[in-house]
Amino acid sequence: YSCFGFDQVHFIEDFTDKQYLRGYVSDESDFDNLIRYYEDLDEGERAFIFNITMQNHGSYKTESYKSTVSIVGHEGEFPQAEQYLSLLRETDAAMEDLITYFSQQEDPVIILFFGDHQPSLEDEFYDMLYGKTSDELTLQEQQRKQLTPFFIWANYDIGEADLGKTSINYLSPLLLQAAGLESSDFEAFLLDLREEWPAI
C-alpha cells in the first residue's frame, strides 16, 4: 500500500470497538472507525481515505445470521439472495448514519461509494431475474452481471449528474472532477478516453 502513496495503512487490528456481522467487521463499525480517523485529523488537515469494507463479502450461507429481507412470492426459496439483500439493508442504514454525520461537518467532505462486483448467489435466483438460464443469455445480458452502482456525494453543492455507465478506471478522475481538484496528465487522458470508450 505504501507503493500507492498512502501515508498510513490500518487493518482490522487497528480498529477500536469492533462489532462483527457474520465474522466480518460490520459496515456500521467500519464507518465509526472511519469517523474516528477523521476526528483525529489536525485542524485544517486534508485527507484522502480509501476504505474497504468486508461485511457483505460472500458467501451468503451463514446460518447464525437471520435474514430480515425476503423476496415476495419466493420467501425462503433463495436464502443466499435473501441474506445478501438483508446485508445491503444493514449497509444502507450505516451509510445513512455516515452521510448524516458528514453532512453536519464544516469541512468540505466528498464520498465516492462503489462496489467491485456483483454477488455470487443461487443460479436459480439469477435465472428467475433474467427469465432464462445463464446459457441462454445474450452477450449484452451477460454483461449486465458486471454492473455495480456507485455514487459521489458531498456535504456541499457539487451539482447533480447521471454519469451513465462507466468503469472503475475512470472513478479517480471523475472524483477529482467532482471535487474541483486538479488532475494529473494521466487522469486528463482518462477523461478524454472516456469520451470514446465510456466503459472498459
N, C-alpha and C. Protein backbone atom coordinates (compact mmCIF):
# COMPACT_ATOMS: atom_id res chain seq x y z
N TYR A 1 0.82 -1.21 0.00
CA TYR A 1 0.00 0.00 0.00
C TYR A 1 0.86 1.27 0.00
N SER A 2 2.04 1.18 0.59
CA SER A 2 2.92 2.36 0.58
C SER A 2 3.33 2.70 -0.84
N CYS A 3 3.39 1.71 -1.72
CA CYS A 3 3.74 1.97 -3.13
C CYS A 3 2.66 2.80 -3.83
N PHE A 4 1.44 2.76 -3.31
CA PHE A 4 0.36 3.59 -3.86
C PHE A 4 0.42 5.02 -3.32
N GLY A 5 1.28 5.26 -2.36
CA GLY A 5 1.44 6.61 -1.84
C GLY A 5 0.66 6.91 -0.57
N PHE A 6 0.10 5.89 0.07
CA PHE A 6 -0.62 6.13 1.32
C PHE A 6 0.37 6.36 2.46
N ASP A 7 0.11 7.39 3.26
CA ASP A 7 0.97 7.69 4.40
C ASP A 7 0.76 6.71 5.54
N GLN A 8 -0.46 6.23 5.69
CA GLN A 8 -0.80 5.30 6.76
C GLN A 8 -1.65 4.18 6.19
N VAL A 9 -1.52 3.03 6.80
CA VAL A 9 -2.37 1.88 6.44
C VAL A 9 -2.88 1.27 7.74
N HIS A 10 -4.19 1.06 7.82
CA HIS A 10 -4.80 0.50 9.01
C HIS A 10 -5.57 -0.76 8.63
N PHE A 11 -5.41 -1.78 9.46
CA PHE A 11 -6.13 -3.02 9.25
C PHE A 11 -7.02 -3.30 10.46
N ILE A 12 -7.65 -4.43 10.46
CA ILE A 12 -8.66 -4.76 11.46
C ILE A 12 -8.14 -4.63 12.89
N GLU A 13 -6.86 -4.97 13.09
CA GLU A 13 -6.33 -4.89 14.46
C GLU A 13 -6.20 -3.45 14.95
N ASP A 14 -6.26 -2.48 14.04
CA ASP A 14 -6.17 -1.06 14.42
C ASP A 14 -7.53 -0.47 14.79
N PHE A 15 -8.61 -1.20 14.50
CA PHE A 15 -9.94 -0.69 14.79
C PHE A 15 -10.21 -0.74 16.30
N THR A 16 -11.04 0.18 16.76
CA THR A 16 -11.47 0.17 18.15
C THR A 16 -12.96 -0.18 18.19
N ASP A 17 -13.37 -0.77 19.29
CA ASP A 17 -14.79 -1.13 19.48
C ASP A 17 -15.36 -1.86 18.27
N LYS A 18 -14.65 -2.89 17.85
CA LYS A 18 -15.08 -3.65 16.66
C LYS A 18 -16.38 -4.40 16.94
N GLN A 19 -17.29 -4.30 16.00
CA GLN A 19 -18.53 -5.09 16.03
C GLN A 19 -18.51 -5.98 14.79
N TYR A 20 -18.90 -7.22 14.95
CA TYR A 20 -18.84 -8.18 13.84
C TYR A 20 -20.23 -8.57 13.37
N LEU A 21 -20.30 -8.91 12.09
CA LEU A 21 -21.51 -9.42 11.48
C LEU A 21 -21.08 -10.55 10.55
N ARG A 22 -21.51 -11.74 10.83
CA ARG A 22 -21.13 -12.94 10.06
C ARG A 22 -19.61 -13.17 10.07
N GLY A 23 -18.94 -12.75 11.11
CA GLY A 23 -17.50 -12.94 11.20
C GLY A 23 -16.68 -11.83 10.59
N TYR A 24 -17.34 -10.85 9.97
CA TYR A 24 -16.65 -9.70 9.39
C TYR A 24 -16.99 -8.45 10.21
N VAL A 25 -16.07 -7.48 10.22
CA VAL A 25 -16.39 -6.19 10.85
C VAL A 25 -17.58 -5.59 10.12
N SER A 26 -18.58 -5.16 10.88
CA SER A 26 -19.78 -4.61 10.26
C SER A 26 -19.48 -3.27 9.60
N ASP A 27 -20.29 -2.92 8.62
CA ASP A 27 -20.12 -1.62 7.97
C ASP A 27 -20.33 -0.49 8.98
N GLU A 28 -21.28 -0.67 9.89
CA GLU A 28 -21.51 0.35 10.92
C GLU A 28 -20.24 0.57 11.74
N SER A 29 -19.60 -0.50 12.16
CA SER A 29 -18.37 -0.40 12.94
C SER A 29 -17.23 0.18 12.11
N ASP A 30 -17.14 -0.25 10.86
CA ASP A 30 -16.13 0.28 9.95
C ASP A 30 -16.29 1.78 9.78
N PHE A 31 -17.52 2.23 9.55
CA PHE A 31 -17.76 3.66 9.35
C PHE A 31 -17.50 4.45 10.63
N ASP A 32 -17.80 3.86 11.80
CA ASP A 32 -17.50 4.52 13.06
C ASP A 32 -15.99 4.75 13.19
N ASN A 33 -15.20 3.78 12.77
CA ASN A 33 -13.75 3.93 12.82
C ASN A 33 -13.27 4.95 11.80
N LEU A 34 -13.90 4.99 10.64
CA LEU A 34 -13.56 5.99 9.64
C LEU A 34 -13.79 7.40 10.21
N ILE A 35 -14.91 7.57 10.90
CA ILE A 35 -15.20 8.86 11.55
C ILE A 35 -14.15 9.17 12.61
N ARG A 36 -13.71 8.16 13.34
CA ARG A 36 -12.67 8.37 14.36
C ARG A 36 -11.38 8.88 13.71
N TYR A 37 -11.00 8.26 12.58
CA TYR A 37 -9.79 8.74 11.88
C TYR A 37 -9.97 10.18 11.42
N TYR A 38 -11.15 10.51 10.95
CA TYR A 38 -11.44 11.89 10.53
C TYR A 38 -11.32 12.85 11.72
N GLU A 39 -11.89 12.46 12.84
CA GLU A 39 -11.86 13.34 14.02
C GLU A 39 -10.46 13.49 14.60
N ASP A 40 -9.57 12.54 14.31
CA ASP A 40 -8.19 12.62 14.79
C ASP A 40 -7.31 13.52 13.92
N LEU A 41 -7.84 13.99 12.80
CA LEU A 41 -7.06 14.89 11.95
C LEU A 41 -6.83 16.22 12.67
N ASP A 42 -5.69 16.82 12.40
CA ASP A 42 -5.44 18.15 12.93
C ASP A 42 -6.35 19.15 12.23
N GLU A 43 -6.62 20.25 12.90
CA GLU A 43 -7.49 21.28 12.31
C GLU A 43 -6.89 21.77 10.99
N GLY A 44 -7.70 21.78 9.96
CA GLY A 44 -7.24 22.22 8.65
C GLY A 44 -6.52 21.17 7.84
N GLU A 45 -6.25 20.01 8.45
CA GLU A 45 -5.54 18.95 7.74
C GLU A 45 -6.47 18.29 6.72
N ARG A 46 -5.94 18.05 5.53
CA ARG A 46 -6.72 17.39 4.49
C ARG A 46 -6.35 15.92 4.46
N ALA A 47 -7.30 15.09 4.02
CA ALA A 47 -7.03 13.66 4.00
C ALA A 47 -7.75 12.99 2.84
N PHE A 48 -7.12 12.00 2.29
CA PHE A 48 -7.75 11.08 1.35
C PHE A 48 -7.77 9.72 2.03
N ILE A 49 -8.96 9.18 2.24
CA ILE A 49 -9.10 7.90 2.91
C ILE A 49 -9.73 6.90 1.95
N PHE A 50 -9.04 5.81 1.71
CA PHE A 50 -9.57 4.73 0.88
C PHE A 50 -9.97 3.61 1.83
N ASN A 51 -11.25 3.37 1.93
CA ASN A 51 -11.81 2.47 2.94
C ASN A 51 -12.46 1.26 2.28
N ILE A 52 -12.01 0.08 2.64
CA ILE A 52 -12.56 -1.15 2.07
C ILE A 52 -13.35 -1.88 3.14
N THR A 53 -14.62 -2.14 2.88
CA THR A 53 -15.46 -2.85 3.84
C THR A 53 -15.53 -4.34 3.47
N MET A 54 -15.91 -5.15 4.46
CA MET A 54 -15.97 -6.60 4.24
C MET A 54 -17.32 -7.20 4.62
N GLN A 55 -18.19 -6.45 5.24
CA GLN A 55 -19.43 -7.00 5.78
C GLN A 55 -20.20 -7.84 4.77
N ASN A 56 -20.28 -7.38 3.53
CA ASN A 56 -21.15 -8.03 2.54
C ASN A 56 -20.40 -9.02 1.66
N HIS A 57 -19.19 -9.38 2.05
CA HIS A 57 -18.42 -10.33 1.26
C HIS A 57 -19.08 -11.71 1.34
N GLY A 58 -19.02 -12.44 0.23
CA GLY A 58 -19.58 -13.80 0.20
C GLY A 58 -18.76 -14.75 1.04
N SER A 59 -19.24 -15.92 1.30
CA SER A 59 -20.50 -16.43 0.79
C SER A 59 -21.65 -16.04 1.71
N TYR A 60 -22.86 -16.36 1.27
CA TYR A 60 -24.04 -15.91 1.99
C TYR A 60 -24.80 -17.11 2.55
N LYS A 61 -24.06 -17.93 3.31
CA LYS A 61 -24.62 -19.16 3.86
C LYS A 61 -24.46 -19.22 5.38
N THR A 62 -24.34 -18.06 6.03
CA THR A 62 -24.13 -18.02 7.48
C THR A 62 -25.45 -18.31 8.19
N GLU A 63 -25.54 -19.47 8.79
CA GLU A 63 -26.80 -19.91 9.41
C GLU A 63 -27.15 -19.09 10.64
N SER A 64 -26.14 -18.57 11.33
CA SER A 64 -26.42 -17.80 12.56
C SER A 64 -26.97 -16.40 12.25
N TYR A 65 -26.84 -15.96 11.00
CA TYR A 65 -27.37 -14.64 10.62
C TYR A 65 -28.78 -14.82 10.05
N LYS A 66 -29.73 -14.19 10.70
CA LYS A 66 -31.12 -14.31 10.28
C LYS A 66 -31.48 -13.16 9.33
N SER A 67 -31.90 -13.52 8.14
CA SER A 67 -32.24 -12.52 7.13
C SER A 67 -33.45 -11.70 7.56
N THR A 68 -33.41 -10.43 7.21
CA THR A 68 -34.52 -9.52 7.52
C THR A 68 -35.27 -9.11 6.26
N VAL A 69 -34.79 -9.55 5.11
CA VAL A 69 -35.42 -9.24 3.83
C VAL A 69 -35.83 -10.56 3.19
N SER A 70 -37.04 -10.58 2.65
CA SER A 70 -37.48 -11.76 1.90
C SER A 70 -37.93 -11.32 0.51
N ILE A 71 -37.91 -12.26 -0.41
CA ILE A 71 -38.28 -11.98 -1.79
C ILE A 71 -39.75 -12.33 -1.95
N VAL A 72 -40.57 -11.32 -2.20
CA VAL A 72 -42.01 -11.50 -2.25
C VAL A 72 -42.38 -12.56 -3.29
N GLY A 73 -43.17 -13.52 -2.85
CA GLY A 73 -43.61 -14.59 -3.73
C GLY A 73 -42.63 -15.75 -3.78
N HIS A 74 -41.43 -15.54 -3.21
CA HIS A 74 -40.40 -16.59 -3.21
C HIS A 74 -39.73 -16.69 -1.83
N GLU A 75 -40.51 -16.39 -0.79
CA GLU A 75 -39.97 -16.36 0.57
C GLU A 75 -39.28 -17.68 0.90
N GLY A 76 -38.01 -17.58 1.32
CA GLY A 76 -37.25 -18.75 1.73
C GLY A 76 -36.71 -19.61 0.59
N GLU A 77 -37.07 -19.26 -0.62
CA GLU A 77 -36.64 -20.06 -1.77
C GLU A 77 -35.18 -19.82 -2.14
N PHE A 78 -34.72 -18.59 -1.90
CA PHE A 78 -33.34 -18.22 -2.24
C PHE A 78 -32.66 -17.64 -1.00
N PRO A 79 -32.25 -18.49 -0.05
CA PRO A 79 -31.70 -17.99 1.22
C PRO A 79 -30.42 -17.16 1.04
N GLN A 80 -29.59 -17.49 0.06
CA GLN A 80 -28.37 -16.69 -0.15
C GLN A 80 -28.72 -15.29 -0.62
N ALA A 81 -29.64 -15.18 -1.56
CA ALA A 81 -30.07 -13.87 -2.05
C ALA A 81 -30.72 -13.06 -0.93
N GLU A 82 -31.53 -13.72 -0.11
CA GLU A 82 -32.18 -13.00 0.99
C GLU A 82 -31.16 -12.54 2.03
N GLN A 83 -30.13 -13.36 2.28
CA GLN A 83 -29.09 -12.94 3.21
C GLN A 83 -28.31 -11.75 2.66
N TYR A 84 -27.97 -11.81 1.38
CA TYR A 84 -27.24 -10.69 0.76
C TYR A 84 -28.07 -9.41 0.81
N LEU A 85 -29.35 -9.49 0.45
CA LEU A 85 -30.20 -8.31 0.46
C LEU A 85 -30.39 -7.76 1.87
N SER A 86 -30.42 -8.65 2.86
CA SER A 86 -30.51 -8.22 4.25
C SER A 86 -29.25 -7.46 4.66
N LEU A 87 -28.10 -7.94 4.20
CA LEU A 87 -26.84 -7.25 4.50
C LEU A 87 -26.80 -5.88 3.83
N LEU A 88 -27.34 -5.80 2.62
CA LEU A 88 -27.41 -4.49 1.95
C LEU A 88 -28.27 -3.52 2.74
N ARG A 89 -29.32 -4.04 3.34
CA ARG A 89 -30.18 -3.20 4.17
C ARG A 89 -29.40 -2.64 5.36
N GLU A 90 -28.55 -3.48 5.95
CA GLU A 90 -27.69 -3.03 7.06
C GLU A 90 -26.73 -1.94 6.56
N THR A 91 -26.18 -2.13 5.37
CA THR A 91 -25.26 -1.14 4.81
C THR A 91 -25.98 0.17 4.56
N ASP A 92 -27.21 0.10 4.04
CA ASP A 92 -27.99 1.32 3.80
C ASP A 92 -28.14 2.14 5.09
N ALA A 93 -28.45 1.46 6.20
CA ALA A 93 -28.62 2.16 7.48
C ALA A 93 -27.30 2.77 7.94
N ALA A 94 -26.20 2.01 7.79
CA ALA A 94 -24.88 2.53 8.19
C ALA A 94 -24.47 3.70 7.31
N MET A 95 -24.76 3.61 6.02
CA MET A 95 -24.42 4.70 5.09
C MET A 95 -25.23 5.95 5.41
N GLU A 96 -26.49 5.76 5.78
CA GLU A 96 -27.31 6.92 6.17
C GLU A 96 -26.68 7.63 7.37
N ASP A 97 -26.22 6.86 8.36
CA ASP A 97 -25.58 7.46 9.54
C ASP A 97 -24.29 8.18 9.16
N LEU A 98 -23.51 7.57 8.26
CA LEU A 98 -22.24 8.17 7.84
C LEU A 98 -22.48 9.50 7.12
N ILE A 99 -23.43 9.50 6.21
CA ILE A 99 -23.72 10.72 5.45
C ILE A 99 -24.34 11.79 6.36
N THR A 100 -25.18 11.36 7.29
CA THR A 100 -25.76 12.32 8.23
C THR A 100 -24.65 12.99 9.04
N TYR A 101 -23.67 12.19 9.50
CA TYR A 101 -22.56 12.75 10.27
C TYR A 101 -21.79 13.77 9.43
N PHE A 102 -21.39 13.39 8.23
CA PHE A 102 -20.56 14.30 7.42
C PHE A 102 -21.35 15.48 6.87
N SER A 103 -22.65 15.36 6.76
CA SER A 103 -23.46 16.50 6.31
C SER A 103 -23.45 17.61 7.34
N GLN A 104 -23.10 17.28 8.58
CA GLN A 104 -23.10 18.27 9.67
C GLN A 104 -21.71 18.85 9.93
N GLN A 105 -20.71 18.44 9.14
CA GLN A 105 -19.35 18.94 9.34
C GLN A 105 -19.12 20.21 8.52
N GLU A 106 -18.30 21.11 9.06
CA GLU A 106 -17.98 22.34 8.34
C GLU A 106 -16.94 22.11 7.26
N ASP A 107 -16.03 21.17 7.47
CA ASP A 107 -15.04 20.85 6.45
C ASP A 107 -15.73 20.32 5.20
N PRO A 108 -15.24 20.69 4.02
CA PRO A 108 -15.80 20.07 2.81
C PRO A 108 -15.41 18.60 2.75
N VAL A 109 -16.39 17.75 2.55
CA VAL A 109 -16.18 16.30 2.51
C VAL A 109 -16.86 15.74 1.27
N ILE A 110 -16.18 14.87 0.58
CA ILE A 110 -16.75 14.22 -0.59
C ILE A 110 -16.54 12.71 -0.45
N ILE A 111 -17.56 11.94 -0.78
CA ILE A 111 -17.52 10.49 -0.63
C ILE A 111 -17.83 9.84 -1.98
N LEU A 112 -16.98 8.92 -2.36
CA LEU A 112 -17.24 8.07 -3.53
C LEU A 112 -17.50 6.67 -2.98
N PHE A 113 -18.66 6.12 -3.30
CA PHE A 113 -19.05 4.80 -2.80
C PHE A 113 -19.27 3.88 -3.99
N PHE A 114 -18.54 2.77 -4.03
CA PHE A 114 -18.69 1.85 -5.16
C PHE A 114 -18.43 0.41 -4.73
N GLY A 115 -18.94 -0.51 -5.51
CA GLY A 115 -18.68 -1.93 -5.31
C GLY A 115 -17.88 -2.46 -6.50
N ASP A 116 -17.16 -3.55 -6.28
CA ASP A 116 -16.29 -4.02 -7.35
C ASP A 116 -16.86 -5.20 -8.13
N HIS A 117 -17.91 -5.84 -7.62
CA HIS A 117 -18.53 -6.92 -8.40
C HIS A 117 -19.88 -7.28 -7.78
N GLN A 118 -20.72 -7.95 -8.57
CA GLN A 118 -21.99 -8.44 -8.06
C GLN A 118 -21.75 -9.70 -7.24
N PRO A 119 -22.70 -10.04 -6.38
CA PRO A 119 -22.52 -11.21 -5.52
C PRO A 119 -22.72 -12.52 -6.28
N SER A 120 -22.13 -13.56 -5.76
CA SER A 120 -22.35 -14.90 -6.28
C SER A 120 -23.49 -15.52 -5.48
N LEU A 121 -24.66 -15.58 -6.09
CA LEU A 121 -25.86 -16.09 -5.44
C LEU A 121 -26.35 -17.34 -6.17
N GLU A 122 -27.51 -17.85 -5.78
CA GLU A 122 -28.05 -19.05 -6.41
C GLU A 122 -28.25 -18.82 -7.92
N ASP A 123 -27.83 -19.80 -8.71
CA ASP A 123 -28.05 -19.73 -10.17
C ASP A 123 -29.54 -19.59 -10.46
N GLU A 124 -30.36 -20.29 -9.69
CA GLU A 124 -31.80 -20.25 -9.91
C GLU A 124 -32.37 -18.87 -9.65
N PHE A 125 -31.76 -18.11 -8.72
CA PHE A 125 -32.19 -16.74 -8.45
C PHE A 125 -31.94 -15.87 -9.67
N TYR A 126 -30.75 -15.98 -10.25
CA TYR A 126 -30.44 -15.19 -11.44
C TYR A 126 -31.29 -15.64 -12.62
N ASP A 127 -31.55 -16.94 -12.73
CA ASP A 127 -32.42 -17.44 -13.81
C ASP A 127 -33.80 -16.81 -13.70
N MET A 128 -34.30 -16.68 -12.45
CA MET A 128 -35.61 -16.06 -12.24
C MET A 128 -35.58 -14.59 -12.64
N LEU A 129 -34.50 -13.89 -12.25
CA LEU A 129 -34.40 -12.46 -12.58
C LEU A 129 -34.39 -12.23 -14.08
N TYR A 130 -33.62 -13.07 -14.80
CA TYR A 130 -33.47 -12.87 -16.24
C TYR A 130 -34.56 -13.56 -17.06
N GLY A 131 -35.29 -14.46 -16.41
CA GLY A 131 -36.32 -15.18 -17.14
C GLY A 131 -35.77 -16.24 -18.08
N LYS A 132 -34.51 -16.59 -17.90
CA LYS A 132 -33.86 -17.61 -18.72
C LYS A 132 -32.60 -18.07 -18.01
N THR A 133 -32.06 -19.20 -18.42
CA THR A 133 -30.84 -19.71 -17.79
C THR A 133 -29.63 -18.93 -18.29
N SER A 134 -28.53 -19.04 -17.56
CA SER A 134 -27.30 -18.32 -17.94
C SER A 134 -26.81 -18.75 -19.32
N ASP A 135 -27.05 -19.99 -19.70
CA ASP A 135 -26.64 -20.47 -21.03
C ASP A 135 -27.40 -19.77 -22.15
N GLU A 136 -28.58 -19.26 -21.83
CA GLU A 136 -29.43 -18.63 -22.85
C GLU A 136 -29.24 -17.12 -22.94
N LEU A 137 -28.42 -16.55 -22.05
CA LEU A 137 -28.24 -15.10 -22.04
C LEU A 137 -27.46 -14.63 -23.26
N THR A 138 -27.87 -13.49 -23.80
CA THR A 138 -27.10 -12.86 -24.86
C THR A 138 -25.85 -12.23 -24.25
N LEU A 139 -24.90 -11.83 -25.08
CA LEU A 139 -23.70 -11.18 -24.58
C LEU A 139 -24.05 -9.93 -23.79
N GLN A 140 -25.00 -9.14 -24.30
CA GLN A 140 -25.41 -7.92 -23.61
C GLN A 140 -26.01 -8.24 -22.24
N GLU A 141 -26.81 -9.31 -22.17
CA GLU A 141 -27.40 -9.70 -20.88
C GLU A 141 -26.33 -10.22 -19.93
N GLN A 142 -25.34 -10.94 -20.44
CA GLN A 142 -24.24 -11.42 -19.60
C GLN A 142 -23.45 -10.25 -19.03
N GLN A 143 -23.28 -9.21 -19.84
CA GLN A 143 -22.52 -8.05 -19.38
C GLN A 143 -23.23 -7.33 -18.24
N ARG A 144 -24.56 -7.44 -18.16
CA ARG A 144 -25.30 -6.80 -17.07
C ARG A 144 -24.86 -7.36 -15.72
N LYS A 145 -24.34 -8.59 -15.70
CA LYS A 145 -23.88 -9.19 -14.45
C LYS A 145 -22.62 -8.49 -13.93
N GLN A 146 -21.99 -7.68 -14.74
CA GLN A 146 -20.78 -6.97 -14.31
C GLN A 146 -21.09 -5.58 -13.75
N LEU A 147 -22.34 -5.16 -13.81
CA LEU A 147 -22.70 -3.81 -13.38
C LEU A 147 -22.81 -3.71 -11.87
N THR A 148 -22.26 -2.66 -11.30
CA THR A 148 -22.48 -2.30 -9.91
C THR A 148 -22.71 -0.79 -9.85
N PRO A 149 -23.60 -0.34 -8.97
CA PRO A 149 -23.84 1.11 -8.88
C PRO A 149 -22.74 1.81 -8.10
N PHE A 150 -22.64 3.11 -8.30
CA PHE A 150 -21.74 3.94 -7.50
C PHE A 150 -22.38 5.31 -7.35
N PHE A 151 -21.92 6.07 -6.36
CA PHE A 151 -22.36 7.45 -6.26
C PHE A 151 -21.24 8.30 -5.68
N ILE A 152 -21.30 9.57 -6.00
CA ILE A 152 -20.40 10.58 -5.42
C ILE A 152 -21.29 11.57 -4.67
N TRP A 153 -21.03 11.73 -3.39
CA TRP A 153 -21.82 12.62 -2.54
C TRP A 153 -20.88 13.62 -1.88
N ALA A 154 -21.36 14.83 -1.66
CA ALA A 154 -20.57 15.84 -0.94
C ALA A 154 -21.48 16.59 0.03
N ASN A 155 -20.87 17.14 1.07
CA ASN A 155 -21.64 17.94 2.03
C ASN A 155 -21.72 19.40 1.59
N TYR A 156 -21.42 19.64 0.32
CA TYR A 156 -21.57 20.96 -0.30
C TYR A 156 -22.08 20.71 -1.71
N ASP A 157 -22.47 21.78 -2.39
CA ASP A 157 -23.12 21.62 -3.68
C ASP A 157 -22.08 21.28 -4.77
N ILE A 158 -22.19 20.09 -5.31
CA ILE A 158 -21.36 19.71 -6.46
C ILE A 158 -22.23 19.51 -7.70
N GLY A 159 -23.52 19.82 -7.55
CA GLY A 159 -24.44 19.62 -8.67
C GLY A 159 -24.80 18.15 -8.81
N GLU A 160 -25.90 17.92 -9.48
CA GLU A 160 -26.34 16.55 -9.71
C GLU A 160 -26.05 16.16 -11.15
N ALA A 161 -25.71 14.90 -11.34
CA ALA A 161 -25.44 14.41 -12.69
C ALA A 161 -25.63 12.91 -12.71
N ASP A 162 -26.13 12.41 -13.82
CA ASP A 162 -26.16 10.98 -14.08
C ASP A 162 -25.00 10.69 -15.01
N LEU A 163 -23.98 10.05 -14.50
CA LEU A 163 -22.77 9.81 -15.30
C LEU A 163 -22.90 8.60 -16.22
N GLY A 164 -24.05 7.93 -16.15
CA GLY A 164 -24.26 6.79 -17.03
C GLY A 164 -23.32 5.66 -16.71
N LYS A 165 -23.11 4.78 -17.67
CA LYS A 165 -22.21 3.65 -17.47
C LYS A 165 -20.77 4.11 -17.59
N THR A 166 -19.96 3.59 -16.69
CA THR A 166 -18.53 3.89 -16.72
C THR A 166 -17.81 2.66 -16.19
N SER A 167 -16.52 2.77 -15.97
CA SER A 167 -15.78 1.65 -15.39
C SER A 167 -14.83 2.17 -14.32
N ILE A 168 -14.34 1.23 -13.52
CA ILE A 168 -13.61 1.60 -12.31
C ILE A 168 -12.35 2.43 -12.61
N ASN A 169 -11.76 2.25 -13.79
CA ASN A 169 -10.56 3.01 -14.13
C ASN A 169 -10.83 4.51 -14.26
N TYR A 170 -12.10 4.88 -14.44
CA TYR A 170 -12.45 6.29 -14.59
C TYR A 170 -12.91 6.94 -13.27
N LEU A 171 -13.05 6.16 -12.21
CA LEU A 171 -13.60 6.72 -10.98
C LEU A 171 -12.69 7.78 -10.37
N SER A 172 -11.38 7.56 -10.42
CA SER A 172 -10.45 8.54 -9.84
C SER A 172 -10.58 9.92 -10.52
N PRO A 173 -10.49 10.01 -11.85
CA PRO A 173 -10.64 11.34 -12.47
C PRO A 173 -12.04 11.92 -12.29
N LEU A 174 -13.08 11.08 -12.25
CA LEU A 174 -14.43 11.59 -12.03
C LEU A 174 -14.57 12.17 -10.63
N LEU A 175 -13.93 11.52 -9.65
CA LEU A 175 -13.95 12.03 -8.28
C LEU A 175 -13.22 13.37 -8.19
N LEU A 176 -12.03 13.45 -8.77
CA LEU A 176 -11.29 14.71 -8.76
C LEU A 176 -12.06 15.82 -9.45
N GLN A 177 -12.71 15.47 -10.55
CA GLN A 177 -13.51 16.46 -11.29
C GLN A 177 -14.67 16.96 -10.43
N ALA A 178 -15.36 16.04 -9.77
CA ALA A 178 -16.48 16.43 -8.91
C ALA A 178 -16.01 17.30 -7.75
N ALA A 179 -14.80 17.02 -7.25
CA ALA A 179 -14.27 17.78 -6.12
C ALA A 179 -13.65 19.11 -6.56
N GLY A 180 -13.54 19.31 -7.87
CA GLY A 180 -12.93 20.55 -8.36
C GLY A 180 -11.43 20.60 -8.14
N LEU A 181 -10.80 19.43 -8.07
CA LEU A 181 -9.35 19.36 -7.85
C LEU A 181 -8.61 19.15 -9.16
N GLU A 182 -7.38 19.61 -9.18
CA GLU A 182 -6.56 19.47 -10.37
C GLU A 182 -6.17 18.00 -10.56
N SER A 183 -6.21 17.55 -11.78
CA SER A 183 -5.85 16.16 -12.05
C SER A 183 -4.50 16.10 -12.74
N SER A 184 -3.94 14.91 -12.75
CA SER A 184 -2.67 14.70 -13.44
C SER A 184 -2.92 14.57 -14.94
N ASP A 185 -1.84 14.56 -15.71
CA ASP A 185 -1.97 14.37 -17.16
C ASP A 185 -2.62 13.02 -17.46
N PHE A 186 -2.29 12.02 -16.66
CA PHE A 186 -2.87 10.69 -16.89
C PHE A 186 -4.37 10.70 -16.67
N GLU A 187 -4.82 11.36 -15.60
CA GLU A 187 -6.26 11.42 -15.33
C GLU A 187 -6.99 12.24 -16.40
N ALA A 188 -6.34 13.29 -16.91
CA ALA A 188 -6.92 14.06 -18.01
C ALA A 188 -7.04 13.17 -19.25
N PHE A 189 -6.02 12.35 -19.48
CA PHE A 189 -6.06 11.39 -20.59
C PHE A 189 -7.24 10.43 -20.42
N LEU A 190 -7.46 9.95 -19.19
CA LEU A 190 -8.56 9.02 -18.95
C LEU A 190 -9.91 9.67 -19.25
N LEU A 191 -10.08 10.93 -18.87
CA LEU A 191 -11.35 11.61 -19.15
C LEU A 191 -11.55 11.77 -20.66
N ASP A 192 -10.48 12.03 -21.39
CA ASP A 192 -10.58 12.09 -22.85
C ASP A 192 -10.92 10.71 -23.42
N LEU A 193 -10.28 9.69 -22.87
CA LEU A 193 -10.53 8.33 -23.33
C LEU A 193 -11.97 7.93 -23.08
N ARG A 194 -12.52 8.40 -21.96
CA ARG A 194 -13.90 8.06 -21.61
C ARG A 194 -14.89 8.59 -22.63
N GLU A 195 -14.54 9.68 -23.30
CA GLU A 195 -15.41 10.22 -24.35
C GLU A 195 -15.58 9.20 -25.47
N GLU A 196 -14.51 8.46 -25.76
CA GLU A 196 -14.55 7.47 -26.85
C GLU A 196 -14.96 6.09 -26.35
N TRP A 197 -14.46 5.72 -25.16
CA TRP A 197 -14.75 4.41 -24.58
C TRP A 197 -15.30 4.64 -23.17
N PRO A 198 -16.62 4.82 -23.02
CA PRO A 198 -17.21 5.17 -21.71
C PRO A 198 -17.03 4.09 -20.65
N ALA A 199 -16.86 2.86 -21.06
CA ALA A 199 -16.65 1.77 -20.11
C ALA A 199 -15.72 0.75 -20.73
N ILE A 200 -14.76 0.29 -19.93
CA ILE A 200 -13.79 -0.71 -20.40
C ILE A 200 -13.92 -1.93 -19.51
